[in-house]
């Protein structure tokens, strides 16, 4: 295998069939062996994701983005009780690093950084399009600068925010009216502060502006809890700055996390905005329900959001 880095190599650990015994795999990082539990993931499902990626990446006509997206959707379908964030982080990502060099002369790390963002956005479109279409709502990935600019112009904010600050648009399908847009992040380490100005302008003009995330975050060894994907939202007792963007500052119309380890907000928050934990296997989930409610609000009031709270000014 033409791979030099040790952490690209993953090895399944097999156990006798036993109820409640999670699949585990072993990887080596920083020259330290780490064993990772994958509750809800079967060995056949793990292998099926790798085999699909192998076949996809072997075909020159298949984009890296689509290979990642298809693998993630298969992982969700075959492992409905697993943590979606773990499926992305451990089942798709780590196998992608392992398989890509077999077919393409590209840096696995750099390739993942370039392709995975769009892959997640397209996956979201496929996850939600059917349930939203039943409610006369169209969810559309904004791939390419012209589509992004058109969406920003429709909200009258194209002259105040950059064209790369919105990922997905939401439309009333039969009238083609835009009522909101979704900020998508696999990880909250992706500078969500960059999305804040766009989100606040959207809400100010009456457009729904949620954050959707897998909240992927783990630490390599020698961290005492290596590669456990706990995310970056912190807890209610010790909230992170990422959580405060929502609960304190109200800079997004809620944050929806598909990491089952994310701690949801209390019923009330200072800003009125909350962190919700999603169950992607059961639709409509909290995100889909909120999108449907905001579409109804837009039809009735001509607005799908209220202006965000004023930010405290220093001094």
C-alpha atoms as a PDB file:
ATOM      1  CA  UNK A   1       0.000   0.000   0.000  1.00  0.00           C
ATOM      2  CA  UNK A   2       1.666   3.284  -1.091  1.00  0.00           C
ATOM      3  CA  UNK A   3       1.046   5.145   2.168  1.00  0.00           C
ATOM      4  CA  UNK A   4       3.767   6.351   4.496  1.00  0.00           C
ATOM      5  CA  UNK A   5       1.816   7.737   7.446  1.00  0.00           C
ATOM      6  CA  UNK A   6       0.910   5.253  10.129  1.00  0.00           C
ATOM      7  CA  UNK A   7      -2.463   6.811  11.052  1.00  0.00           C
ATOM      8  CA  UNK A   8      -3.852   6.009   7.602  1.00  0.00           C
ATOM      9  CA  UNK A   9      -3.834   2.312   8.483  1.00  0.00           C
ATOM     10  CA  UNK A  10      -6.843   0.922  10.350  1.00  0.00           C
ATOM     11  CA  UNK A  11      -7.358  -2.606  11.562  1.00  0.00           C
ATOM     12  CA  UNK A  12     -10.659  -4.100  12.704  1.00  0.00           C
ATOM     13  CA  UNK A  13     -10.688  -5.981  15.986  1.00  0.00           C
ATOM     14  CA  UNK A  14     -13.068  -8.944  15.877  1.00  0.00           C
ATOM     15  CA  UNK A  15     -14.949 -10.313  18.870  1.00  0.00           C
ATOM     16  CA  UNK A  16     -17.313 -13.255  19.291  1.00  0.00           C
ATOM     17  CA  UNK A  17     -20.904 -12.302  18.567  1.00  0.00           C
ATOM     18  CA  UNK A  18     -22.282 -10.786  21.737  1.00  0.00           C
ATOM     19  CA  UNK A  19     -25.201  -8.429  22.270  1.00  0.00           C
ATOM     20  CA  UNK A  20     -24.086  -4.913  23.026  1.00  0.00           C
ATOM     21  CA  UNK A  21     -20.461  -5.551  22.059  1.00  0.00           C
ATOM     22  CA  UNK A  22     -19.451  -2.676  19.767  1.00  0.00           C
ATOM     23  CA  UNK A  23     -17.238  -3.034  16.748  1.00  0.00           C
ATOM     24  CA  UNK A  24     -13.762  -1.721  17.463  1.00  0.00           C
ATOM     25  CA  UNK A  25     -10.853  -0.804  15.291  1.00  0.00           C
ATOM     26  CA  UNK A  26      -7.245  -0.117  16.072  1.00  0.00           C
ATOM     27  CA  UNK A  27      -5.213   2.677  14.520  1.00  0.00           C
ATOM     28  CA  UNK A  28      -1.758   4.066  15.223  1.00  0.00           C
ATOM     29  CA  UNK A  29      -1.189   7.773  15.683  1.00  0.00           C
ATOM     30  CA  UNK A  30       1.894   9.527  16.996  1.00  0.00           C
ATOM     31  CA  UNK A  31       3.372   6.005  17.240  1.00  0.00           C
ATOM     32  CA  UNK A  32       0.724   5.096  19.829  1.00  0.00           C
ATOM     33  CA  UNK A  33      -1.905   2.403  19.262  1.00  0.00           C
ATOM     34  CA  UNK A  34      -5.479   3.563  19.867  1.00  0.00           C
ATOM     35  CA  UNK A  35      -8.599   1.388  20.042  1.00  0.00           C
ATOM     36  CA  UNK A  36     -11.849   3.089  19.044  1.00  0.00           C
ATOM     37  CA  UNK A  37     -15.328   1.807  19.920  1.00  0.00           C
ATOM     38  CA  UNK A  38     -17.964   2.106  17.193  1.00  0.00           C
ATOM     39  CA  UNK A  39     -21.360   1.303  18.759  1.00  0.00           C
ATOM     40  CA  UNK A  40     -24.025   0.600  16.154  1.00  0.00           C
ATOM     41  CA  UNK A  41     -21.505  -0.254  13.416  1.00  0.00           C
ATOM     42  CA  UNK A  42     -21.316  -3.841  12.171  1.00  0.00           C
ATOM     43  CA  UNK A  43     -18.290  -5.334  10.491  1.00  0.00           C
ATOM     44  CA  UNK A  44     -20.219  -5.900   7.202  1.00  0.00           C
ATOM     45  CA  UNK A  45     -21.354  -2.264   7.219  1.00  0.00           C
ATOM     46  CA  UNK A  46     -17.835  -0.982   7.890  1.00  0.00           C
ATOM     47  CA  UNK A  47     -16.495  -3.064   5.039  1.00  0.00           C
ATOM     48  CA  UNK A  48     -19.353  -2.083   2.717  1.00  0.00           C
ATOM     49  CA  UNK A  49     -18.463   1.593   3.097  1.00  0.00           C
ATOM     50  CA  UNK A  50     -14.831   0.868   2.229  1.00  0.00           C
ATOM     51  CA  UNK A  51     -15.756  -1.290  -0.742  1.00  0.00           C
ATOM     52  CA  UNK A  52     -18.070   1.392  -2.113  1.00  0.00           C
ATOM     53  CA  UNK A  53     -15.378   4.051  -1.832  1.00  0.00           C
ATOM     54  CA  UNK A  54     -12.848   1.737  -3.435  1.00  0.00           C
ATOM     55  CA  UNK A  55     -15.129   1.167  -6.438  1.00  0.00           C
ATOM     56  CA  UNK A  56     -16.041   4.862  -6.694  1.00  0.00           C
ATOM     57  CA  UNK A  57     -12.499   6.180  -6.514  1.00  0.00           C
ATOM     58  CA  UNK A  58     -11.349   3.590  -9.048  1.00  0.00           C
ATOM     59  CA  UNK A  59     -13.635   5.267 -11.607  1.00  0.00           C
ATOM     60  CA  UNK A  60     -12.029   8.410 -13.019  1.00  0.00           C
ATOM     61  CA  UNK A  61     -15.438   9.946 -13.749  1.00  0.00           C
ATOM     62  CA  UNK A  62     -16.414   9.966 -10.063  1.00  0.00           C
ATOM     63  CA  UNK A  63     -15.510  13.113  -8.130  1.00  0.00           C
ATOM     64  CA  UNK A  64     -13.923  12.734  -4.703  1.00  0.00           C
ATOM     65  CA  UNK A  65     -16.848  14.723  -3.326  1.00  0.00           C
ATOM     66  CA  UNK A  66     -19.355  12.185  -4.602  1.00  0.00           C
ATOM     67  CA  UNK A  67     -17.344   9.202  -3.380  1.00  0.00           C
ATOM     68  CA  UNK A  68     -17.364  10.689   0.131  1.00  0.00           C
ATOM     69  CA  UNK A  69     -21.046  11.651  -0.023  1.00  0.00           C
ATOM     70  CA  UNK A  70     -22.193   8.225  -1.227  1.00  0.00           C
ATOM     71  CA  UNK A  71     -20.095   6.454   1.405  1.00  0.00           C
ATOM     72  CA  UNK A  72     -21.584   8.591   4.186  1.00  0.00           C
ATOM     73  CA  UNK A  73     -25.159   7.987   3.029  1.00  0.00           C
ATOM     74  CA  UNK A  74     -24.533   4.232   2.896  1.00  0.00           C
ATOM     75  CA  UNK A  75     -23.035   4.374   6.389  1.00  0.00           C
ATOM     76  CA  UNK A  76     -26.137   6.186   7.688  1.00  0.00           C
ATOM     77  CA  UNK A  77     -28.457   3.680   6.022  1.00  0.00           C
ATOM     78  CA  UNK A  78     -26.635   0.552   7.202  1.00  0.00           C
ATOM     79  CA  UNK A  79     -25.857   1.861  10.715  1.00  0.00           C
ATOM     80  CA  UNK A  80     -29.034   3.738  11.785  1.00  0.00           C
ATOM     81  CA  UNK A  81     -28.280   3.510  15.514  1.00  0.00           C
ATOM     82  CA  UNK A  82     -24.661   4.684  15.224  1.00  0.00           C
ATOM     83  CA  UNK A  83     -23.473   8.228  15.915  1.00  0.00           C
ATOM     84  CA  UNK A  84     -23.544   9.990  12.491  1.00  0.00           C
ATOM     85  CA  UNK A  85     -20.572  12.107  13.522  1.00  0.00           C
ATOM     86  CA  UNK A  86     -18.559   8.968  14.300  1.00  0.00           C
ATOM     87  CA  UNK A  87     -19.575   7.481  10.954  1.00  0.00           C
ATOM     88  CA  UNK A  88     -18.138  10.543   9.222  1.00  0.00           C
ATOM     89  CA  UNK A  89     -15.034  10.830  11.390  1.00  0.00           C
ATOM     90  CA  UNK A  90     -14.030   7.207  11.845  1.00  0.00           C
ATOM     91  CA  UNK A  91     -15.772   5.088   9.197  1.00  0.00           C
ATOM     92  CA  UNK A  92     -15.714   7.394   6.141  1.00  0.00           C
ATOM     93  CA  UNK A  93     -12.776   9.721   6.788  1.00  0.00           C
ATOM     94  CA  UNK A  94     -10.261   7.123   7.975  1.00  0.00           C
ATOM     95  CA  UNK A  95     -11.092   4.682   5.194  1.00  0.00           C
ATOM     96  CA  UNK A  96     -10.902   7.489   2.625  1.00  0.00           C
ATOM     97  CA  UNK A  97      -7.345   8.285   3.744  1.00  0.00           C
ATOM     98  CA  UNK A  98      -6.513   4.627   3.332  1.00  0.00           C
ATOM     99  CA  UNK A  99      -8.168   4.045  -0.051  1.00  0.00           C
ATOM    100  CA  UNK A 100      -7.578   7.260  -2.020  1.00  0.00           C
ATOM    101  CA  UNK A 101      -3.831   6.662  -2.662  1.00  0.00           C
ATOM    102  CA  UNK A 102      -4.651   3.309  -4.254  1.00  0.00           C
ATOM    103  CA  UNK A 103      -6.347   5.094  -7.150  1.00  0.00           C
ATOM    104  CA  UNK A 104      -5.331   8.757  -7.284  1.00  0.00           C
ATOM    105  CA  UNK A 105      -2.043  10.615  -6.978  1.00  0.00           C
ATOM    106  CA  UNK A 106      -3.361  13.122  -4.471  1.00  0.00           C
ATOM    107  CA  UNK A 107      -2.567  13.958  -0.875  1.00  0.00           C
ATOM    108  CA  UNK A 108      -5.305  12.237   1.164  1.00  0.00           C
ATOM    109  CA  UNK A 109      -5.377  14.984   3.796  1.00  0.00           C
ATOM    110  CA  UNK A 110      -5.553  17.821   1.275  1.00  0.00           C
ATOM    111  CA  UNK A 111      -8.062  15.976  -0.873  1.00  0.00           C
ATOM    112  CA  UNK A 112     -10.331  15.456   2.132  1.00  0.00           C
ATOM    113  CA  UNK A 113     -10.122  19.133   3.077  1.00  0.00           C
ATOM    114  CA  UNK A 114     -11.071  20.194  -0.460  1.00  0.00           C
ATOM    115  CA  UNK A 115     -13.839  17.680  -1.115  1.00  0.00           C
ATOM    116  CA  UNK A 116     -15.489  16.814   2.187  1.00  0.00           C
ATOM    117  CA  UNK A 117     -17.239  20.135   2.769  1.00  0.00           C
ATOM    118  CA  UNK A 118     -19.193  19.953  -0.474  1.00  0.00           C
ATOM    119  CA  UNK A 119     -19.759  16.238   0.110  1.00  0.00           C
ATOM    120  CA  UNK A 120     -21.502  16.931   3.410  1.00  0.00           C
ATOM    121  CA  UNK A 121     -23.649  19.667   1.867  1.00  0.00           C
ATOM    122  CA  UNK A 122     -24.805  17.380  -0.948  1.00  0.00           C
ATOM    123  CA  UNK A 123     -25.469  14.611   1.582  1.00  0.00           C
ATOM    124  CA  UNK A 124     -27.709  16.971   3.564  1.00  0.00           C
ATOM    125  CA  UNK A 125     -29.642  17.816   0.431  1.00  0.00           C
ATOM    126  CA  UNK A 126     -30.301  14.105  -0.151  1.00  0.00           C
ATOM    127  CA  UNK A 127     -31.146  13.405   3.498  1.00  0.00           C
ATOM    128  CA  UNK A 128     -33.798  16.113   3.706  1.00  0.00           C
ATOM    129  CA  UNK A 129     -35.100  16.658   0.171  1.00  0.00           C
ATOM    130  CA  UNK A 130     -37.900  14.066   0.322  1.00  0.00           C
ATOM    131  CA  UNK A 131     -39.390  15.097   3.677  1.00  0.00           C
ATOM    132  CA  UNK A 132     -39.147  18.794   2.794  1.00  0.00           C
ATOM    133  CA  UNK A 133     -40.589  18.288  -0.696  1.00  0.00           C
ATOM    134  CA  UNK A 134     -43.699  16.797   0.972  1.00  0.00           C
ATOM    135  CA  UNK A 135     -44.123  20.240   2.533  1.00  0.00           C
ATOM    136  CA  UNK A 136     -43.519  22.262  -0.659  1.00  0.00           C
ATOM    137  CA  UNK A 137     -39.952  23.138   0.351  1.00  0.00           C
ATOM    138  CA  UNK A 138     -36.855  22.802  -1.822  1.00  0.00           C
ATOM    139  CA  UNK A 139     -33.413  22.438  -0.272  1.00  0.00           C
ATOM    140  CA  UNK A 140     -30.611  23.273  -2.703  1.00  0.00           C
ATOM    141  CA  UNK A 141     -26.844  23.158  -2.366  1.00  0.00           C
ATOM    142  CA  UNK A 142     -25.216  26.356  -3.619  1.00  0.00           C
ATOM    143  CA  UNK A 143     -22.271  24.917  -5.525  1.00  0.00           C
ATOM    144  CA  UNK A 144     -20.462  27.586  -7.492  1.00  0.00           C
ATOM    145  CA  UNK A 145     -20.138  31.315  -6.986  1.00  0.00           C
ATOM    146  CA  UNK A 146     -23.050  32.361  -9.284  1.00  0.00           C
ATOM    147  CA  UNK A 147     -25.582  30.356  -7.229  1.00  0.00           C
ATOM    148  CA  UNK A 148     -24.252  31.745  -3.968  1.00  0.00           C
ATOM    149  CA  UNK A 149     -24.380  35.334  -5.228  1.00  0.00           C
ATOM    150  CA  UNK A 150     -27.918  34.857  -6.547  1.00  0.00           C
ATOM    151  CA  UNK A 151     -29.077  33.639  -3.133  1.00  0.00           C
ATOM    152  CA  UNK A 152     -27.424  36.552  -1.345  1.00  0.00           C
ATOM    153  CA  UNK A 153     -28.982  39.006  -3.802  1.00  0.00           C
ATOM    154  CA  UNK A 154     -32.401  37.512  -3.135  1.00  0.00           C
ATOM    155  CA  UNK A 155     -31.874  38.389   0.537  1.00  0.00           C
ATOM    156  CA  UNK A 156     -30.448  41.850  -0.307  1.00  0.00           C
ATOM    157  CA  UNK A 157     -27.177  41.149   1.498  1.00  0.00           C
ATOM    158  CA  UNK A 158     -24.835  40.522  -1.448  1.00  0.00           C
ATOM    159  CA  UNK A 159     -23.074  43.848  -0.949  1.00  0.00           C
ATOM    160  CA  UNK A 160     -22.349  43.328   2.740  1.00  0.00           C
ATOM    161  CA  UNK A 161     -21.206  39.672   2.994  1.00  0.00           C
ATOM    162  CA  UNK A 162     -18.868  37.461   0.985  1.00  0.00           C
ATOM    163  CA  UNK A 163     -20.226  35.018  -1.569  1.00  0.00           C
ATOM    164  CA  UNK A 164     -18.651  31.993   0.161  1.00  0.00           C
ATOM    165  CA  UNK A 165     -20.561  32.422   3.425  1.00  0.00           C
ATOM    166  CA  UNK A 166     -23.686  30.414   2.595  1.00  0.00           C
ATOM    167  CA  UNK A 167     -23.841  26.712   1.730  1.00  0.00           C
ATOM    168  CA  UNK A 168     -27.471  25.702   1.224  1.00  0.00           C
ATOM    169  CA  UNK A 169     -30.588  27.669   0.260  1.00  0.00           C
ATOM    170  CA  UNK A 170     -34.191  26.963   1.267  1.00  0.00           C
ATOM    171  CA  UNK A 171     -37.059  27.812  -1.093  1.00  0.00           C
ATOM    172  CA  UNK A 172     -40.846  27.666  -1.151  1.00  0.00           C
ATOM    173  CA  UNK A 173     -40.939  25.250  -4.050  1.00  0.00           C
ATOM    174  CA  UNK A 174     -44.013  26.308  -6.021  1.00  0.00           C
ATOM    175  CA  UNK A 175     -43.222  30.047  -5.878  1.00  0.00           C
ATOM    176  CA  UNK A 176     -39.400  29.743  -5.911  1.00  0.00           C
ATOM    177  CA  UNK A 177     -39.209  32.213  -3.008  1.00  0.00           C
ATOM    178  CA  UNK A 178     -36.097  31.947  -0.871  1.00  0.00           C
ATOM    179  CA  UNK A 179     -36.880  32.011   2.863  1.00  0.00           C
ATOM    180  CA  UNK A 180     -33.567  30.944   4.401  1.00  0.00           C
ATOM    181  CA  UNK A 181     -30.190  29.316   4.111  1.00  0.00           C
ATOM    182  CA  UNK A 182     -28.144  26.789   6.062  1.00  0.00           C
ATOM    183  CA  UNK A 183     -24.557  27.143   7.281  1.00  0.00           C
ATOM    184  CA  UNK A 184     -23.021  23.644   7.164  1.00  0.00           C
ATOM    185  CA  UNK A 185     -19.916  22.551   9.062  1.00  0.00           C
ATOM    186  CA  UNK A 186     -18.554  19.072   9.630  1.00  0.00           C
ATOM    187  CA  UNK A 187     -16.524  20.576  12.462  1.00  0.00           C
ATOM    188  CA  UNK A 188     -16.985  23.748  14.472  1.00  0.00           C
ATOM    189  CA  UNK A 189     -13.230  24.235  14.176  1.00  0.00           C
ATOM    190  CA  UNK A 190     -13.975  25.560  10.673  1.00  0.00           C
ATOM    191  CA  UNK A 191     -14.124  29.175  11.890  1.00  0.00           C
ATOM    192  CA  UNK A 192     -17.855  29.541  12.413  1.00  0.00           C
ATOM    193  CA  UNK A 193     -17.096  33.151  13.359  1.00  0.00           C
ATOM    194  CA  UNK A 194     -16.681  33.765   9.617  1.00  0.00           C
ATOM    195  CA  UNK A 195     -20.348  32.829   9.118  1.00  0.00           C
ATOM    196  CA  UNK A 196     -21.665  35.119  11.850  1.00  0.00           C
ATOM    197  CA  UNK A 197     -21.888  38.372   9.807  1.00  0.00           C
ATOM    198  CA  UNK A 198     -23.817  36.639   7.010  1.00  0.00           C
ATOM    199  CA  UNK A 199     -26.132  34.880   9.451  1.00  0.00           C
ATOM    200  CA  UNK A 200     -26.943  38.034  11.386  1.00  0.00           C
ATOM    201  CA  UNK A 201     -27.668  39.974   8.190  1.00  0.00           C
ATOM    202  CA  UNK A 202     -29.941  37.155   7.026  1.00  0.00           C
ATOM    203  CA  UNK A 203     -31.948  37.189  10.246  1.00  0.00           C
ATOM    204  CA  UNK A 204     -32.057  40.983  10.250  1.00  0.00           C
ATOM    205  CA  UNK A 205     -33.742  40.821   6.829  1.00  0.00           C
ATOM    206  CA  UNK A 206     -36.158  38.108   7.958  1.00  0.00           C
ATOM    207  CA  UNK A 207     -34.444  34.988   6.579  1.00  0.00           C
ATOM    208  CA  UNK A 208     -34.022  31.730   8.504  1.00  0.00           C
ATOM    209  CA  UNK A 209     -30.327  31.130   9.263  1.00  0.00           C
ATOM    210  CA  UNK A 210     -29.488  27.913  11.150  1.00  0.00           C
ATOM    211  CA  UNK A 211     -26.166  26.170  11.647  1.00  0.00           C
ATOM    212  CA  UNK A 212     -26.075  22.412  10.851  1.00  0.00           C
ATOM    213  CA  UNK A 213     -23.040  20.484  12.020  1.00  0.00           C
ATOM    214  CA  UNK A 214     -21.588  17.051  12.688  1.00  0.00           C
ATOM    215  CA  UNK A 215     -19.546  18.740  15.442  1.00  0.00           C
ATOM    216  CA  UNK A 216     -16.542  16.513  14.778  1.00  0.00           C
ATOM    217  CA  UNK A 217     -13.672  16.943  17.197  1.00  0.00           C
ATOM    218  CA  UNK A 218     -11.309  14.445  18.784  1.00  0.00           C
ATOM    219  CA  UNK A 219      -7.769  14.654  20.100  1.00  0.00           C
ATOM    220  CA  UNK A 220      -4.825  12.430  19.133  1.00  0.00           C
ATOM    221  CA  UNK A 221      -2.741  10.566  21.695  1.00  0.00           C
ATOM    222  CA  UNK A 222      -1.234  11.172  24.157  1.00  0.00           C
ATOM    223  CA  UNK A 223      -4.521  12.862  25.109  1.00  0.00           C
ATOM    224  CA  UNK A 224      -6.096  10.819  27.951  1.00  0.00           C
ATOM    225  CA  UNK A 225      -9.271  10.258  25.868  1.00  0.00           C
ATOM    226  CA  UNK A 226      -7.692   9.773  22.420  1.00  0.00           C
ATOM    227  CA  UNK A 227      -9.848   9.967  19.284  1.00  0.00           C
ATOM    228  CA  UNK A 228     -13.133  10.041  21.209  1.00  0.00           C
ATOM    229  CA  UNK A 229     -15.289  12.362  19.126  1.00  0.00           C
ATOM    230  CA  UNK A 230     -16.829  14.667  21.742  1.00  0.00           C
ATOM    231  CA  UNK A 231     -17.236  17.780  19.597  1.00  0.00           C
ATOM    232  CA  UNK A 232     -16.636  21.381  20.598  1.00  0.00           C
ATOM    233  CA  UNK A 233     -19.845  22.609  22.201  1.00  0.00           C
ATOM    234  CA  UNK A 234     -18.869  21.856  25.773  1.00  0.00           C
ATOM    235  CA  UNK A 235     -21.566  21.385  28.407  1.00  0.00           C
ATOM    236  CA  UNK A 236     -24.275  23.515  29.976  1.00  0.00           C
ATOM    237  CA  UNK A 237     -22.048  23.955  33.031  1.00  0.00           C
ATOM    238  CA  UNK A 238     -18.921  24.735  30.989  1.00  0.00           C
ATOM    239  CA  UNK A 239     -20.105  26.088  27.623  1.00  0.00           C
ATOM    240  CA  UNK A 240     -17.577  26.644  24.877  1.00  0.00           C
ATOM    241  CA  UNK A 241     -17.316  29.866  22.894  1.00  0.00           C
ATOM    242  CA  UNK A 242     -18.921  27.972  19.973  1.00  0.00           C
ATOM    243  CA  UNK A 243     -22.014  27.306  22.103  1.00  0.00           C
ATOM    244  CA  UNK A 244     -22.140  30.938  23.180  1.00  0.00           C
ATOM    245  CA  UNK A 245     -22.471  32.051  19.539  1.00  0.00           C
ATOM    246  CA  UNK A 246     -25.920  30.461  19.719  1.00  0.00           C
ATOM    247  CA  UNK A 247     -27.179  30.536  23.296  1.00  0.00           C
ATOM    248  CA  UNK A 248     -25.765  33.926  24.354  1.00  0.00           C
ATOM    249  CA  UNK A 249     -25.282  35.969  21.185  1.00  0.00           C
ATOM    250  CA  UNK A 250     -28.075  34.436  19.088  1.00  0.00           C
ATOM    251  CA  UNK A 251     -25.953  34.684  15.939  1.00  0.00           C
ATOM    252  CA  UNK A 252     -27.679  31.677  14.328  1.00  0.00           C
ATOM    253  CA  UNK A 253     -31.295  30.495  14.246  1.00  0.00           C
ATOM    254  CA  UNK A 254     -30.366  27.516  16.411  1.00  0.00           C
ATOM    255  CA  UNK A 255     -27.548  25.035  15.959  1.00  0.00           C
ATOM    256  CA  UNK A 256     -28.442  21.483  14.937  1.00  0.00           C
ATOM    257  CA  UNK A 257     -25.818  18.864  15.759  1.00  0.00           C
ATOM    258  CA  UNK A 258     -25.731  15.287  14.450  1.00  0.00           C
ATOM    259  CA  UNK A 259     -23.138  14.275  17.033  1.00  0.00           C
ATOM    260  CA  UNK A 260     -24.950  12.172  19.646  1.00  0.00           C
ATOM    261  CA  UNK A 261     -22.428  13.368  22.252  1.00  0.00           C
ATOM    262  CA  UNK A 262     -23.436  17.024  21.789  1.00  0.00           C
ATOM    263  CA  UNK A 263     -25.258  18.349  24.837  1.00  0.00           C
ATOM    264  CA  UNK A 264     -28.567  20.054  23.898  1.00  0.00           C
ATOM    265  CA  UNK A 265     -29.488  23.429  25.325  1.00  0.00           C
ATOM    266  CA  UNK A 266     -31.831  23.939  28.214  1.00  0.00           C
ATOM    267  CA  UNK A 267     -35.430  24.806  27.320  1.00  0.00           C
ATOM    268  CA  UNK A 268     -34.653  28.511  27.607  1.00  0.00           C
ATOM    269  CA  UNK A 269     -31.460  30.432  26.794  1.00  0.00           C
ATOM    270  CA  UNK A 270     -30.492  34.115  27.062  1.00  0.00           C
ATOM    271  CA  UNK A 271     -30.836  34.612  23.292  1.00  0.00           C
ATOM    272  CA  UNK A 272     -33.792  32.292  22.766  1.00  0.00           C
ATOM    273  CA  UNK A 273     -31.623  30.277  20.355  1.00  0.00           C
ATOM    274  CA  UNK A 274     -30.751  26.675  21.197  1.00  0.00           C
ATOM    275  CA  UNK A 275     -28.496  23.731  20.430  1.00  0.00           C
ATOM    276  CA  UNK A 276     -30.491  20.699  19.260  1.00  0.00           C
ATOM    277  CA  UNK A 277     -29.196  17.134  18.971  1.00  0.00           C
ATOM    278  CA  UNK A 278     -30.451  15.350  15.850  1.00  0.00           C
ATOM    279  CA  UNK A 279     -31.625  11.809  15.177  1.00  0.00           C
ATOM    280  CA  UNK A 280     -31.011  11.477  11.439  1.00  0.00           C
ATOM    281  CA  UNK A 281     -32.525   7.985  11.319  1.00  0.00           C
ATOM    282  CA  UNK A 282     -35.972   9.294  12.242  1.00  0.00           C
ATOM    283  CA  UNK A 283     -37.392  11.962   9.964  1.00  0.00           C
ATOM    284  CA  UNK A 284     -38.602  14.602  10.313  1.00  0.00           C
ATOM    285  CA  UNK A 285     -35.934  15.414  12.889  1.00  0.00           C
ATOM    286  CA  UNK A 286     -35.653  18.697  14.811  1.00  0.00           C
ATOM    287  CA  UNK A 287     -33.999  20.413  11.861  1.00  0.00           C
ATOM    288  CA  UNK A 288     -36.621  19.340   9.321  1.00  0.00           C
ATOM    289  CA  UNK A 289     -39.440  20.326  11.684  1.00  0.00           C
ATOM    290  CA  UNK A 290     -37.933  23.770  12.206  1.00  0.00           C
ATOM    291  CA  UNK A 291     -37.447  24.306   8.456  1.00  0.00           C
ATOM    292  CA  UNK A 292     -41.109  23.400   7.877  1.00  0.00           C
ATOM    293  CA  UNK A 293     -42.238  25.750  10.658  1.00  0.00           C
ATOM    294  CA  UNK A 294     -40.151  28.641   9.279  1.00  0.00           C
ATOM    295  CA  UNK A 295     -41.546  28.085   5.772  1.00  0.00           C
ATOM    296  CA  UNK A 296     -45.045  28.370   7.219  1.00  0.00           C
ATOM    297  CA  UNK A 297     -44.038  31.530   9.073  1.00  0.00           C
ATOM    298  CA  UNK A 298     -42.690  33.005   5.843  1.00  0.00           C
ATOM    299  CA  UNK A 299     -45.929  32.295   3.986  1.00  0.00           C
ATOM    300  CA  UNK A 300     -48.009  33.919   6.731  1.00  0.00           C
ATOM    301  CA  UNK A 301     -45.814  36.860   7.758  1.00  0.00           C
ATOM    302  CA  UNK A 302     -43.419  37.371   4.861  1.00  0.00           C
ATOM    303  CA  UNK A 303     -40.538  36.736   7.276  1.00  0.00           C
ATOM    304  CA  UNK A 304     -38.989  33.481   8.467  1.00  0.00           C
ATOM    305  CA  UNK A 305     -36.870  34.940  11.286  1.00  0.00           C
ATOM    306  CA  UNK A 306     -36.698  37.736  13.804  1.00  0.00           C
ATOM    307  CA  UNK A 307     -33.702  40.107  13.999  1.00  0.00           C
ATOM    308  CA  UNK A 308     -30.858  38.750  16.171  1.00  0.00           C
ATOM    309  CA  UNK A 309     -30.136  40.237  19.597  1.00  0.00           C
ATOM    310  CA  UNK A 310     -27.861  43.252  19.581  1.00  0.00           C
ATOM    311  CA  UNK A 311     -24.257  42.305  20.333  1.00  0.00           C
ATOM    312  CA  UNK A 312     -22.676  43.880  23.387  1.00  0.00           C
ATOM    313  CA  UNK A 313     -20.179  46.534  22.379  1.00  0.00           C
ATOM    314  CA  UNK A 314     -16.820  46.664  24.165  1.00  0.00           C
ATOM    315  CA  UNK A 315     -16.234  49.596  26.441  1.00  0.00           C
END
